């Protein structure tokens, strides 16, 4: 099938993105495809057994599990301090997750759930640059992932605040994570 614009890479790198079902991670591992796990709620540590299942399936499929890329994708927002980040991100996040929840049968989201998700053990990467660094490194201990994708702007956020969050990610978070991981 033709793809336009033409990709720079040949072959085109394909990743399987999953929300966390055993069948989906097993399939990706068995096929030897890189895996991106989307963690949009709950306790991220609950995904550790799925990562282990992915790696076992890769081995059964004849692939070297340690060479297959693994990524984590999560919702988040970065500001100079945690309270500012939460206050900016919550209204849009609440609206988006409540709308998605209606489609999937979830109850409306609450500020208490949002705040719990923004803690170190929670799913959301919302806070100061150092808090986001700490959370990425903690999850790296759990998952040993190669890539991290931060989905900023869950819902509509002020443009200047999103630009600032991108700047903080690029100038503070990413360099600290690379330094800590020796990359």
N, C-alpha and C. Protein backbone atom coordinates (compact mmCIF):
# COMPACT_ATOMS: atom_id res chain seq x y z
N UNK A 1 0.85 -1.17 0.00
CA UNK A 1 0.00 0.00 0.00
C UNK A 1 0.89 1.23 0.00
N UNK A 2 0.55 2.20 -0.79
CA UNK A 2 1.31 3.44 -0.86
C UNK A 2 1.00 4.32 0.35
N UNK A 3 2.03 4.95 0.89
CA UNK A 3 1.88 5.88 2.02
C UNK A 3 2.44 7.22 1.59
N UNK A 4 1.68 8.26 1.82
CA UNK A 4 2.12 9.62 1.50
C UNK A 4 1.93 10.50 2.71
N UNK A 5 2.86 11.36 3.06
CA UNK A 5 4.17 11.49 2.43
C UNK A 5 5.01 10.24 2.69
N UNK A 6 6.02 10.06 1.86
CA UNK A 6 6.88 8.88 1.98
C UNK A 6 7.64 8.92 3.30
N UNK A 7 7.64 7.80 4.01
CA UNK A 7 8.39 7.76 5.28
C UNK A 7 9.89 7.83 5.04
N UNK A 8 10.59 8.38 5.98
CA UNK A 8 12.05 8.45 5.93
C UNK A 8 12.63 7.06 6.15
N UNK A 9 12.02 6.29 7.05
CA UNK A 9 12.52 4.97 7.40
C UNK A 9 12.05 3.93 6.39
N UNK A 10 12.93 2.98 6.13
CA UNK A 10 12.57 1.87 5.26
C UNK A 10 13.17 0.61 5.85
N UNK A 11 12.40 -0.28 6.41
CA UNK A 11 10.95 -0.29 6.39
C UNK A 11 10.36 0.68 7.44
N UNK A 12 9.11 1.01 7.23
CA UNK A 12 8.38 1.88 8.15
C UNK A 12 8.26 1.19 9.50
N UNK A 13 8.71 1.83 10.57
CA UNK A 13 8.58 1.19 11.89
C UNK A 13 7.12 1.19 12.34
N UNK A 14 6.64 0.04 12.72
CA UNK A 14 5.27 -0.10 13.20
C UNK A 14 5.28 -0.45 14.68
N UNK A 15 4.40 0.17 15.41
CA UNK A 15 4.21 -0.13 16.83
C UNK A 15 2.77 -0.57 17.02
N UNK A 16 2.56 -1.44 17.98
CA UNK A 16 1.21 -1.81 18.38
C UNK A 16 0.91 -1.03 19.66
N UNK A 17 -0.16 -0.25 19.62
CA UNK A 17 -0.59 0.49 20.81
C UNK A 17 -1.74 -0.27 21.44
N UNK A 18 -1.64 -0.46 22.76
CA UNK A 18 -2.67 -1.23 23.47
C UNK A 18 -3.11 -0.49 24.72
N UNK A 19 -4.31 -0.82 25.14
CA UNK A 19 -4.84 -0.28 26.38
C UNK A 19 -4.66 -1.23 27.54
N UNK A 20 -4.14 -2.41 27.28
CA UNK A 20 -3.81 -3.29 28.38
C UNK A 20 -4.54 -4.60 28.46
N UNK A 21 -4.91 -5.20 27.33
CA UNK A 21 -5.52 -6.52 27.41
C UNK A 21 -4.45 -7.58 27.19
N UNK A 22 -4.55 -8.72 27.87
CA UNK A 22 -3.57 -9.79 27.67
C UNK A 22 -3.46 -10.24 26.21
N UNK A 23 -4.58 -10.35 25.52
CA UNK A 23 -4.53 -10.80 24.12
C UNK A 23 -3.75 -9.83 23.26
N UNK A 24 -3.92 -8.53 23.47
CA UNK A 24 -3.24 -7.56 22.62
C UNK A 24 -1.74 -7.55 22.86
N UNK A 25 -1.31 -7.67 24.10
CA UNK A 25 0.14 -7.67 24.36
C UNK A 25 0.78 -8.98 23.91
N UNK A 26 0.06 -10.08 24.04
CA UNK A 26 0.57 -11.38 23.59
C UNK A 26 0.76 -11.36 22.08
N UNK A 27 -0.23 -10.84 21.37
CA UNK A 27 -0.15 -10.76 19.91
C UNK A 27 1.04 -9.92 19.47
N UNK A 28 1.22 -8.76 20.08
CA UNK A 28 2.35 -7.89 19.71
C UNK A 28 3.68 -8.59 19.97
N UNK A 29 3.80 -9.23 21.11
CA UNK A 29 5.04 -9.93 21.44
C UNK A 29 5.33 -11.07 20.50
N UNK A 30 4.31 -11.88 20.24
CA UNK A 30 4.49 -13.03 19.36
C UNK A 30 4.90 -12.61 17.96
N UNK A 31 4.35 -11.47 17.50
CA UNK A 31 4.69 -10.96 16.17
C UNK A 31 6.03 -10.21 16.16
N UNK A 32 6.58 -9.96 17.33
CA UNK A 32 7.86 -9.26 17.40
C UNK A 32 7.76 -7.78 17.11
N UNK A 33 6.61 -7.19 17.43
CA UNK A 33 6.40 -5.77 17.17
C UNK A 33 6.60 -4.94 18.43
N UNK A 34 7.13 -3.74 18.28
CA UNK A 34 7.25 -2.85 19.43
C UNK A 34 5.87 -2.57 20.03
N UNK A 35 5.85 -2.38 21.34
CA UNK A 35 4.59 -2.21 22.07
C UNK A 35 4.56 -0.84 22.74
N UNK A 36 3.46 -0.12 22.56
CA UNK A 36 3.21 1.13 23.26
C UNK A 36 1.97 0.91 24.12
N UNK A 37 2.15 1.00 25.43
CA UNK A 37 1.03 0.80 26.35
C UNK A 37 0.48 2.16 26.73
N UNK A 38 -0.81 2.36 26.47
CA UNK A 38 -1.49 3.59 26.84
C UNK A 38 -2.08 3.42 28.23
N UNK A 39 -1.59 4.20 29.16
CA UNK A 39 -2.08 4.14 30.54
C UNK A 39 -2.81 5.45 30.81
N UNK A 40 -4.15 5.38 30.82
CA UNK A 40 -4.93 6.61 30.98
C UNK A 40 -5.71 6.66 32.29
N UNK A 41 -5.40 5.75 33.19
CA UNK A 41 -6.07 5.76 34.49
C UNK A 41 -5.63 4.59 35.34
N UNK A 42 -6.10 4.57 36.55
CA UNK A 42 -5.80 3.48 37.46
C UNK A 42 -4.39 3.56 38.01
N UNK A 43 -3.87 2.41 38.36
CA UNK A 43 -2.54 2.29 38.93
C UNK A 43 -1.60 1.69 37.89
N UNK A 44 -0.65 2.46 37.38
CA UNK A 44 0.23 1.96 36.32
C UNK A 44 0.96 0.67 36.65
N UNK A 45 1.25 0.47 37.92
CA UNK A 45 1.99 -0.74 38.29
C UNK A 45 1.23 -2.02 37.92
N UNK A 46 -0.09 -1.91 37.77
CA UNK A 46 -0.89 -3.08 37.39
C UNK A 46 -0.56 -3.56 35.98
N UNK A 47 0.18 -2.76 35.20
CA UNK A 47 0.56 -3.14 33.84
C UNK A 47 1.84 -3.96 33.80
N UNK A 48 2.56 -4.08 34.92
CA UNK A 48 3.81 -4.84 34.93
C UNK A 48 3.60 -6.28 34.46
N UNK A 49 2.58 -7.01 34.94
CA UNK A 49 2.39 -8.38 34.43
C UNK A 49 2.14 -8.43 32.92
N UNK A 50 1.52 -7.39 32.37
CA UNK A 50 1.29 -7.39 30.92
C UNK A 50 2.60 -7.20 30.16
N UNK A 51 3.50 -6.40 30.71
CA UNK A 51 4.82 -6.24 30.08
C UNK A 51 5.57 -7.57 30.13
N UNK A 52 5.48 -8.26 31.26
CA UNK A 52 6.13 -9.57 31.37
C UNK A 52 5.52 -10.56 30.39
N UNK A 53 4.20 -10.53 30.23
CA UNK A 53 3.51 -11.40 29.27
C UNK A 53 3.96 -11.09 27.84
N UNK A 54 4.09 -9.81 27.51
CA UNK A 54 4.57 -9.38 26.20
C UNK A 54 5.95 -9.95 25.92
N UNK A 55 6.84 -9.84 26.89
CA UNK A 55 8.21 -10.32 26.69
C UNK A 55 8.27 -11.85 26.59
N UNK A 56 7.46 -12.54 27.37
CA UNK A 56 7.41 -14.01 27.26
C UNK A 56 6.87 -14.43 25.88
N UNK A 57 5.83 -13.74 25.42
CA UNK A 57 5.25 -14.06 24.11
C UNK A 57 6.26 -13.79 23.00
N UNK A 58 7.06 -12.74 23.15
CA UNK A 58 8.09 -12.45 22.16
C UNK A 58 9.08 -13.61 22.08
N UNK A 59 9.50 -14.12 23.23
CA UNK A 59 10.41 -15.26 23.25
C UNK A 59 9.80 -16.48 22.59
N UNK A 60 8.52 -16.74 22.87
CA UNK A 60 7.84 -17.89 22.25
C UNK A 60 7.70 -17.70 20.74
N UNK A 61 7.66 -16.46 20.30
CA UNK A 61 7.55 -16.18 18.88
C UNK A 61 8.90 -16.18 18.16
N UNK A 62 9.96 -16.47 18.92
CA UNK A 62 11.29 -16.53 18.31
C UNK A 62 12.02 -15.20 18.27
N UNK A 63 11.56 -14.23 19.05
CA UNK A 63 12.17 -12.90 19.07
C UNK A 63 12.94 -12.71 20.38
N UNK A 64 13.93 -11.87 20.34
CA UNK A 64 14.70 -11.57 21.55
C UNK A 64 13.95 -10.46 22.31
N UNK A 65 13.34 -10.79 23.45
CA UNK A 65 12.52 -9.81 24.17
C UNK A 65 13.26 -8.52 24.54
N UNK A 66 14.53 -8.62 24.85
CA UNK A 66 15.26 -7.43 25.29
C UNK A 66 15.51 -6.44 24.15
N UNK A 67 15.38 -6.90 22.91
CA UNK A 67 15.63 -5.99 21.78
C UNK A 67 14.35 -5.33 21.27
N UNK A 68 13.19 -5.78 21.74
CA UNK A 68 11.93 -5.19 21.27
C UNK A 68 11.64 -3.91 22.04
N UNK A 69 11.43 -2.81 21.32
CA UNK A 69 11.12 -1.55 22.00
C UNK A 69 9.79 -1.60 22.73
N UNK A 70 9.77 -0.96 23.89
CA UNK A 70 8.57 -0.86 24.71
C UNK A 70 8.38 0.60 25.08
N UNK A 71 7.18 1.09 24.92
CA UNK A 71 6.89 2.47 25.27
C UNK A 71 5.70 2.56 26.20
N UNK A 72 5.68 3.65 26.94
CA UNK A 72 4.56 3.99 27.82
C UNK A 72 4.03 5.33 27.35
N UNK A 73 2.73 5.42 27.20
CA UNK A 73 2.08 6.67 26.82
C UNK A 73 1.08 7.03 27.91
N UNK A 74 1.08 8.30 28.30
CA UNK A 74 0.21 8.71 29.40
C UNK A 74 -0.25 10.15 29.21
N UNK A 75 -1.31 10.47 29.92
CA UNK A 75 -1.81 11.85 29.96
C UNK A 75 -0.98 12.64 30.95
N UNK A 76 -0.78 13.91 30.67
CA UNK A 76 -0.05 14.73 31.62
C UNK A 76 -0.05 16.20 31.26
N UNK A 77 0.48 16.96 32.18
CA UNK A 77 0.63 18.40 31.99
C UNK A 77 1.69 18.89 32.95
N UNK A 78 2.53 19.80 32.48
CA UNK A 78 3.64 20.29 33.29
C UNK A 78 3.52 21.80 33.43
N UNK A 79 3.73 22.28 34.64
CA UNK A 79 3.78 23.72 34.92
C UNK A 79 4.89 23.93 35.95
N UNK A 80 5.13 25.17 36.30
CA UNK A 80 6.21 25.47 37.24
C UNK A 80 6.03 24.79 38.58
N UNK A 81 4.78 24.61 39.02
CA UNK A 81 4.55 23.88 40.27
C UNK A 81 3.32 22.99 40.12
N UNK A 82 3.20 22.03 41.01
CA UNK A 82 2.17 21.00 40.88
C UNK A 82 0.76 21.55 40.97
N UNK A 83 0.52 22.49 41.86
CA UNK A 83 -0.83 23.03 42.01
C UNK A 83 -1.26 23.77 40.75
N UNK A 84 -0.34 24.54 40.19
CA UNK A 84 -0.63 25.25 38.95
C UNK A 84 -0.93 24.25 37.83
N UNK A 85 -0.13 23.21 37.72
CA UNK A 85 -0.34 22.20 36.67
C UNK A 85 -1.72 21.55 36.82
N UNK A 86 -2.07 21.16 38.03
CA UNK A 86 -3.36 20.51 38.27
C UNK A 86 -4.52 21.46 37.98
N UNK A 87 -4.41 22.69 38.42
CA UNK A 87 -5.50 23.65 38.22
C UNK A 87 -5.71 23.97 36.74
N UNK A 88 -4.64 24.01 35.99
CA UNK A 88 -4.76 24.27 34.54
C UNK A 88 -5.34 23.05 33.84
N UNK A 89 -4.85 21.87 34.18
CA UNK A 89 -5.20 20.66 33.44
C UNK A 89 -6.56 20.08 33.79
N UNK A 90 -7.00 20.23 35.04
CA UNK A 90 -8.20 19.52 35.47
C UNK A 90 -9.46 19.83 34.66
N UNK A 91 -9.82 21.08 34.44
CA UNK A 91 -11.11 21.31 33.75
C UNK A 91 -11.21 20.62 32.39
N UNK A 92 -10.17 20.71 31.58
CA UNK A 92 -10.21 20.08 30.26
C UNK A 92 -10.16 18.56 30.38
N UNK A 93 -9.33 18.06 31.29
CA UNK A 93 -9.23 16.61 31.50
C UNK A 93 -10.57 16.06 31.98
N UNK A 94 -11.18 16.75 32.91
CA UNK A 94 -12.48 16.33 33.45
C UNK A 94 -13.52 16.24 32.32
N UNK A 95 -13.58 17.27 31.48
CA UNK A 95 -14.56 17.28 30.39
C UNK A 95 -14.30 16.13 29.42
N UNK A 96 -13.04 15.94 29.05
CA UNK A 96 -12.70 14.88 28.08
C UNK A 96 -12.98 13.49 28.65
N UNK A 97 -12.54 13.24 29.87
CA UNK A 97 -12.71 11.91 30.44
C UNK A 97 -14.17 11.62 30.77
N UNK A 98 -14.93 12.63 31.14
CA UNK A 98 -16.35 12.43 31.39
C UNK A 98 -17.07 12.09 30.09
N UNK A 99 -16.69 12.78 28.99
CA UNK A 99 -17.28 12.50 27.69
C UNK A 99 -16.92 11.06 27.24
N UNK A 100 -15.67 10.69 27.37
CA UNK A 100 -15.25 9.33 27.01
C UNK A 100 -15.95 8.31 27.90
N UNK A 101 -16.07 8.65 29.19
CA UNK A 101 -16.74 7.76 30.13
C UNK A 101 -18.18 7.46 29.75
N UNK A 102 -18.87 8.46 29.24
CA UNK A 102 -20.25 8.23 28.81
C UNK A 102 -20.30 7.19 27.70
N UNK A 103 -19.32 7.24 26.79
CA UNK A 103 -19.26 6.29 25.69
C UNK A 103 -18.92 4.88 26.18
N UNK A 104 -18.11 4.79 27.23
CA UNK A 104 -17.60 3.49 27.68
C UNK A 104 -18.26 2.98 28.96
N UNK A 105 -19.21 3.75 29.48
CA UNK A 105 -19.94 3.29 30.67
C UNK A 105 -19.26 3.61 31.99
N UNK A 106 -18.34 4.59 32.00
CA UNK A 106 -17.70 5.00 33.25
C UNK A 106 -18.50 6.13 33.88
N UNK A 107 -18.43 6.27 35.20
CA UNK A 107 -19.07 7.43 35.84
C UNK A 107 -18.25 8.70 35.53
N UNK A 108 -18.86 9.87 35.72
CA UNK A 108 -18.11 11.12 35.51
C UNK A 108 -16.87 11.18 36.40
N UNK A 109 -15.81 11.76 35.88
CA UNK A 109 -14.58 11.87 36.66
C UNK A 109 -14.74 12.95 37.73
N UNK A 110 -13.92 12.86 38.76
CA UNK A 110 -13.98 13.83 39.86
C UNK A 110 -12.59 14.44 40.08
N UNK A 111 -12.55 15.56 40.79
CA UNK A 111 -11.26 16.17 41.10
C UNK A 111 -10.45 15.25 42.01
N UNK A 112 -11.10 14.55 42.92
CA UNK A 112 -10.38 13.64 43.82
C UNK A 112 -9.70 12.52 43.02
N UNK A 113 -10.39 11.97 42.01
CA UNK A 113 -9.78 10.94 41.17
C UNK A 113 -8.61 11.52 40.39
N UNK A 114 -8.79 12.71 39.87
CA UNK A 114 -7.74 13.38 39.12
C UNK A 114 -6.51 13.60 40.00
N UNK A 115 -6.73 14.12 41.20
CA UNK A 115 -5.61 14.37 42.11
C UNK A 115 -4.91 13.06 42.50
N UNK A 116 -5.68 12.00 42.69
CA UNK A 116 -5.07 10.69 43.00
C UNK A 116 -4.24 10.21 41.81
N UNK A 117 -4.73 10.44 40.61
CA UNK A 117 -3.99 10.05 39.41
C UNK A 117 -2.70 10.83 39.23
N UNK A 118 -2.64 12.02 39.82
CA UNK A 118 -1.44 12.86 39.69
C UNK A 118 -0.38 12.56 40.75
N UNK A 119 -0.65 11.65 41.67
CA UNK A 119 0.35 11.28 42.67
C UNK A 119 1.44 10.43 42.01
N UNK A 120 2.51 10.18 42.72
CA UNK A 120 3.63 9.42 42.18
C UNK A 120 3.20 8.04 41.66
N UNK A 121 2.29 7.39 42.36
CA UNK A 121 1.85 6.05 41.97
C UNK A 121 0.71 6.06 40.96
N UNK A 122 0.13 7.23 40.67
CA UNK A 122 -1.01 7.33 39.78
C UNK A 122 -0.63 7.37 38.31
N UNK A 123 -1.65 7.43 37.47
CA UNK A 123 -1.44 7.32 36.02
C UNK A 123 -1.10 8.64 35.33
N UNK A 124 -1.42 9.78 35.93
CA UNK A 124 -1.25 11.05 35.23
C UNK A 124 0.08 11.70 35.57
N UNK A 125 0.75 12.21 34.55
CA UNK A 125 2.02 12.91 34.72
C UNK A 125 1.75 14.41 34.80
N UNK A 126 1.14 14.81 35.90
CA UNK A 126 0.72 16.19 36.09
C UNK A 126 1.47 16.75 37.28
N UNK A 127 2.24 17.81 37.03
CA UNK A 127 2.97 18.41 38.13
C UNK A 127 4.10 19.28 37.65
N UNK A 128 5.03 19.50 38.57
CA UNK A 128 6.23 20.28 38.26
C UNK A 128 7.18 19.41 37.41
N UNK A 129 8.17 20.04 36.78
CA UNK A 129 9.13 19.23 36.02
C UNK A 129 9.76 18.12 36.86
N UNK A 130 10.15 18.42 38.10
CA UNK A 130 10.79 17.38 38.92
C UNK A 130 9.84 16.25 39.25
N UNK A 131 8.57 16.55 39.48
CA UNK A 131 7.60 15.49 39.75
C UNK A 131 7.44 14.58 38.53
N UNK A 132 7.43 15.16 37.35
CA UNK A 132 7.29 14.35 36.13
C UNK A 132 8.55 13.51 35.92
N UNK A 133 9.72 14.09 36.17
CA UNK A 133 10.97 13.32 36.09
C UNK A 133 10.91 12.12 37.03
N UNK A 134 10.54 12.38 38.28
CA UNK A 134 10.48 11.30 39.29
C UNK A 134 9.53 10.19 38.86
N UNK A 135 8.41 10.57 38.29
CA UNK A 135 7.42 9.57 37.89
C UNK A 135 7.91 8.76 36.69
N UNK A 136 8.53 9.42 35.72
CA UNK A 136 9.07 8.69 34.57
C UNK A 136 10.12 7.68 35.04
N UNK A 137 10.99 8.11 35.94
CA UNK A 137 12.05 7.21 36.43
C UNK A 137 11.48 6.07 37.26
N UNK A 138 10.45 6.34 38.07
CA UNK A 138 9.82 5.26 38.82
C UNK A 138 9.22 4.23 37.88
N UNK A 139 8.50 4.71 36.88
CA UNK A 139 7.89 3.76 35.95
C UNK A 139 8.95 3.04 35.12
N UNK A 140 10.07 3.69 34.87
CA UNK A 140 11.15 3.00 34.16
C UNK A 140 11.67 1.83 34.99
N UNK A 141 11.72 2.00 36.30
CA UNK A 141 12.11 0.87 37.16
C UNK A 141 11.14 -0.29 36.98
N UNK A 142 9.86 0.00 36.86
CA UNK A 142 8.85 -1.05 36.72
C UNK A 142 8.88 -1.70 35.34
N UNK A 143 8.92 -0.86 34.29
CA UNK A 143 8.69 -1.35 32.93
C UNK A 143 9.96 -1.54 32.09
N UNK A 144 11.03 -0.84 32.44
CA UNK A 144 12.26 -0.85 31.63
C UNK A 144 11.94 -0.44 30.19
N UNK A 145 11.10 0.57 30.03
CA UNK A 145 10.69 1.01 28.70
C UNK A 145 11.75 1.87 28.02
N UNK A 146 11.66 1.91 26.70
CA UNK A 146 12.61 2.63 25.85
C UNK A 146 12.09 3.99 25.43
N UNK A 147 10.78 4.18 25.49
CA UNK A 147 10.17 5.39 24.98
C UNK A 147 9.04 5.81 25.92
N UNK A 148 8.88 7.11 26.05
CA UNK A 148 7.79 7.64 26.85
C UNK A 148 7.08 8.71 26.04
N UNK A 149 5.78 8.58 25.92
CA UNK A 149 4.98 9.56 25.20
C UNK A 149 4.06 10.27 26.16
N UNK A 150 4.16 11.58 26.21
CA UNK A 150 3.32 12.39 27.09
C UNK A 150 2.25 13.06 26.25
N UNK A 151 1.01 12.73 26.51
CA UNK A 151 -0.09 13.37 25.80
C UNK A 151 -0.52 14.59 26.59
N UNK A 152 0.00 15.73 26.18
CA UNK A 152 -0.40 17.00 26.76
C UNK A 152 -1.76 17.38 26.19
N UNK A 153 -2.41 18.27 26.86
CA UNK A 153 -3.64 18.84 26.31
C UNK A 153 -4.71 17.78 26.09
N UNK A 154 -5.06 17.08 27.15
CA UNK A 154 -6.22 16.20 27.11
C UNK A 154 -7.41 17.15 27.20
N UNK A 155 -8.06 17.37 26.09
CA UNK A 155 -9.08 18.40 26.01
C UNK A 155 -8.42 19.70 25.57
N UNK A 156 -9.17 20.77 25.60
CA UNK A 156 -8.68 22.06 25.13
C UNK A 156 -8.09 22.86 26.27
N UNK A 157 -6.80 23.18 26.15
CA UNK A 157 -6.10 23.98 27.15
C UNK A 157 -5.60 25.26 26.50
N UNK A 158 -5.35 26.29 27.30
CA UNK A 158 -4.82 27.54 26.73
C UNK A 158 -3.50 27.29 26.01
N UNK A 159 -3.39 27.82 24.79
CA UNK A 159 -2.24 27.59 23.95
C UNK A 159 -0.93 27.97 24.64
N UNK A 160 -0.89 29.12 25.29
CA UNK A 160 0.35 29.56 25.93
C UNK A 160 0.77 28.61 27.04
N UNK A 161 -0.19 28.00 27.72
CA UNK A 161 0.13 27.05 28.80
C UNK A 161 0.67 25.74 28.22
N UNK A 162 0.13 25.31 27.09
CA UNK A 162 0.62 24.10 26.44
C UNK A 162 2.03 24.32 25.92
N UNK A 163 2.27 25.48 25.31
CA UNK A 163 3.62 25.81 24.82
C UNK A 163 4.61 25.80 25.98
N UNK A 164 4.22 26.36 27.13
CA UNK A 164 5.09 26.37 28.31
C UNK A 164 5.35 24.94 28.79
N UNK A 165 4.32 24.10 28.78
CA UNK A 165 4.49 22.70 29.20
C UNK A 165 5.45 21.97 28.27
N UNK A 166 5.35 22.21 26.97
CA UNK A 166 6.28 21.60 26.01
C UNK A 166 7.70 22.08 26.28
N UNK A 167 7.85 23.36 26.54
CA UNK A 167 9.17 23.92 26.85
C UNK A 167 9.76 23.27 28.10
N UNK A 168 8.96 23.13 29.15
CA UNK A 168 9.44 22.50 30.38
C UNK A 168 9.82 21.04 30.15
N UNK A 169 9.03 20.35 29.33
CA UNK A 169 9.35 18.96 29.03
C UNK A 169 10.68 18.86 28.30
N UNK A 170 10.88 19.73 27.32
CA UNK A 170 12.10 19.68 26.51
C UNK A 170 13.34 20.20 27.20
N UNK A 171 13.19 21.19 28.07
CA UNK A 171 14.37 21.81 28.69
C UNK A 171 14.68 21.31 30.09
N UNK A 172 13.70 20.75 30.77
CA UNK A 172 13.93 20.29 32.15
C UNK A 172 13.71 18.78 32.32
N UNK A 173 12.58 18.29 31.86
CA UNK A 173 12.24 16.87 32.09
C UNK A 173 13.13 15.94 31.27
N UNK A 174 13.10 16.10 29.96
CA UNK A 174 13.85 15.17 29.09
C UNK A 174 15.34 15.13 29.42
N UNK A 175 16.02 16.28 29.60
CA UNK A 175 17.44 16.19 29.94
C UNK A 175 17.72 15.47 31.27
N UNK A 176 16.87 15.68 32.25
CA UNK A 176 17.07 15.01 33.55
C UNK A 176 16.85 13.51 33.46
N UNK A 177 15.84 13.11 32.69
CA UNK A 177 15.59 11.68 32.51
C UNK A 177 16.75 11.03 31.76
N UNK A 178 17.20 11.67 30.70
CA UNK A 178 18.34 11.13 29.94
C UNK A 178 19.58 11.01 30.82
N UNK A 179 19.83 12.02 31.61
CA UNK A 179 21.00 12.01 32.50
C UNK A 179 20.88 10.87 33.52
N UNK A 180 19.71 10.72 34.12
CA UNK A 180 19.51 9.67 35.13
C UNK A 180 19.65 8.27 34.53
N UNK A 181 19.23 8.12 33.27
CA UNK A 181 19.31 6.80 32.63
C UNK A 181 20.60 6.59 31.86
N UNK A 182 21.50 7.59 31.89
CA UNK A 182 22.78 7.46 31.22
C UNK A 182 22.67 7.47 29.71
N UNK A 183 21.74 8.27 29.19
CA UNK A 183 21.54 8.32 27.73
C UNK A 183 21.86 9.69 27.21
